[in-house]
């Protein structure tokens, strides 16, 4: 039996600054993202030294996981 393992993503990750992330999420203020980080909410982030960055692929997953269908709330 052959096991298939998915390798690492191709190429470097696309890391976005909080201002870019806020824009990508429809105008979320960077301070809101900081508040979410502090409270353990919001999208996953990468901390490199003191720099905060958001991986574009992780943001896509976060949005998909938080998408709600109005029909499901009945």
C-alpha atoms as a PDB file:
ATOM      1  CA  UNK A   1       0.000   0.000   0.000  1.00  0.00           C
ATOM      2  CA  UNK A   2       1.392   3.377  -0.954  1.00  0.00           C
ATOM      3  CA  UNK A   3       0.853   6.376   1.314  1.00  0.00           C
ATOM      4  CA  UNK A   4       0.495   9.779  -0.252  1.00  0.00           C
ATOM      5  CA  UNK A   5       1.744  12.733   1.736  1.00  0.00           C
ATOM      6  CA  UNK A   6       1.097  16.246   0.702  1.00  0.00           C
ATOM      7  CA  UNK A   7       4.335  18.193   0.623  1.00  0.00           C
ATOM      8  CA  UNK A   8       4.821  21.752   1.765  1.00  0.00           C
ATOM      9  CA  UNK A   9       3.089  24.487  -0.216  1.00  0.00           C
ATOM     10  CA  UNK A  10       4.909  25.572  -3.341  1.00  0.00           C
ATOM     11  CA  UNK A  11       6.729  28.873  -3.032  1.00  0.00           C
ATOM     12  CA  UNK A  12       6.879  31.225  -0.084  1.00  0.00           C
ATOM     13  CA  UNK A  13       3.690  32.172   1.740  1.00  0.00           C
ATOM     14  CA  UNK A  14       2.049  35.455   0.860  1.00  0.00           C
ATOM     15  CA  UNK A  15       2.157  37.361   4.145  1.00  0.00           C
ATOM     16  CA  UNK A  16      -0.015  40.447   4.558  1.00  0.00           C
ATOM     17  CA  UNK A  17       0.404  43.332   6.998  1.00  0.00           C
ATOM     18  CA  UNK A  18      -2.555  44.059   9.305  1.00  0.00           C
ATOM     19  CA  UNK A  19      -3.600  47.045   7.148  1.00  0.00           C
ATOM     20  CA  UNK A  20      -3.607  44.861   4.030  1.00  0.00           C
ATOM     21  CA  UNK A  21      -5.432  42.113   5.904  1.00  0.00           C
ATOM     22  CA  UNK A  22      -8.089  44.533   7.093  1.00  0.00           C
ATOM     23  CA  UNK A  23      -8.656  45.718   3.540  1.00  0.00           C
ATOM     24  CA  UNK A  24      -8.819  42.110   2.279  1.00  0.00           C
ATOM     25  CA  UNK A  25     -11.466  41.343   4.915  1.00  0.00           C
ATOM     26  CA  UNK A  26     -13.687  44.172   3.748  1.00  0.00           C
ATOM     27  CA  UNK A  27     -12.426  47.120   5.738  1.00  0.00           C
ATOM     28  CA  UNK A  28     -11.639  45.701   9.173  1.00  0.00           C
ATOM     29  CA  UNK A  29      -9.588  48.272  11.101  1.00  0.00           C
ATOM     30  CA  UNK A  30      -6.070  47.101  12.076  1.00  0.00           C
ATOM     31  CA  UNK A  31      -6.881  47.889  15.723  1.00  0.00           C
ATOM     32  CA  UNK A  32      -9.811  45.475  15.515  1.00  0.00           C
ATOM     33  CA  UNK A  33      -7.402  42.780  14.318  1.00  0.00           C
ATOM     34  CA  UNK A  34      -5.116  43.643  17.271  1.00  0.00           C
ATOM     35  CA  UNK A  35      -8.077  43.349  19.663  1.00  0.00           C
ATOM     36  CA  UNK A  36      -8.983  39.970  18.167  1.00  0.00           C
ATOM     37  CA  UNK A  37      -5.393  38.743  18.584  1.00  0.00           C
ATOM     38  CA  UNK A  38      -5.447  39.856  22.224  1.00  0.00           C
ATOM     39  CA  UNK A  39      -8.713  38.012  22.915  1.00  0.00           C
ATOM     40  CA  UNK A  40      -7.830  34.903  20.902  1.00  0.00           C
ATOM     41  CA  UNK A  41     -10.357  35.584  18.145  1.00  0.00           C
ATOM     42  CA  UNK A  42     -10.016  36.313  14.463  1.00  0.00           C
ATOM     43  CA  UNK A  43      -7.859  34.768  11.786  1.00  0.00           C
ATOM     44  CA  UNK A  44      -4.585  32.997  12.557  1.00  0.00           C
ATOM     45  CA  UNK A  45      -1.489  35.156  12.318  1.00  0.00           C
ATOM     46  CA  UNK A  46       2.267  34.816  12.049  1.00  0.00           C
ATOM     47  CA  UNK A  47       4.590  36.646  14.413  1.00  0.00           C
ATOM     48  CA  UNK A  48       8.098  37.251  13.114  1.00  0.00           C
ATOM     49  CA  UNK A  49      10.014  39.139  15.758  1.00  0.00           C
ATOM     50  CA  UNK A  50       7.632  41.968  16.602  1.00  0.00           C
ATOM     51  CA  UNK A  51       6.009  41.976  13.148  1.00  0.00           C
ATOM     52  CA  UNK A  52       2.495  40.588  12.773  1.00  0.00           C
ATOM     53  CA  UNK A  53       1.574  39.097   9.414  1.00  0.00           C
ATOM     54  CA  UNK A  54      -1.389  37.143   8.082  1.00  0.00           C
ATOM     55  CA  UNK A  55      -0.986  34.300   5.598  1.00  0.00           C
ATOM     56  CA  UNK A  56      -3.260  34.851   2.581  1.00  0.00           C
ATOM     57  CA  UNK A  57      -4.088  31.138   2.329  1.00  0.00           C
ATOM     58  CA  UNK A  58      -5.016  31.001   6.036  1.00  0.00           C
ATOM     59  CA  UNK A  59      -7.308  34.007   5.517  1.00  0.00           C
ATOM     60  CA  UNK A  60      -9.120  32.148   2.725  1.00  0.00           C
ATOM     61  CA  UNK A  61      -9.624  29.165   5.038  1.00  0.00           C
ATOM     62  CA  UNK A  62     -10.757  31.451   7.877  1.00  0.00           C
ATOM     63  CA  UNK A  63     -13.328  33.114   5.619  1.00  0.00           C
ATOM     64  CA  UNK A  64     -14.583  29.765   4.333  1.00  0.00           C
ATOM     65  CA  UNK A  65     -14.921  28.409   7.884  1.00  0.00           C
ATOM     66  CA  UNK A  66     -16.838  31.506   8.973  1.00  0.00           C
ATOM     67  CA  UNK A  67     -19.195  31.716   6.003  1.00  0.00           C
ATOM     68  CA  UNK A  68     -22.815  31.313   7.088  1.00  0.00           C
ATOM     69  CA  UNK A  69     -25.817  30.507   4.950  1.00  0.00           C
ATOM     70  CA  UNK A  70     -28.959  32.427   5.999  1.00  0.00           C
ATOM     71  CA  UNK A  71     -31.047  29.281   5.439  1.00  0.00           C
ATOM     72  CA  UNK A  72     -29.006  27.491   8.140  1.00  0.00           C
ATOM     73  CA  UNK A  73     -30.054  29.981  10.842  1.00  0.00           C
ATOM     74  CA  UNK A  74     -33.751  29.121  10.750  1.00  0.00           C
END
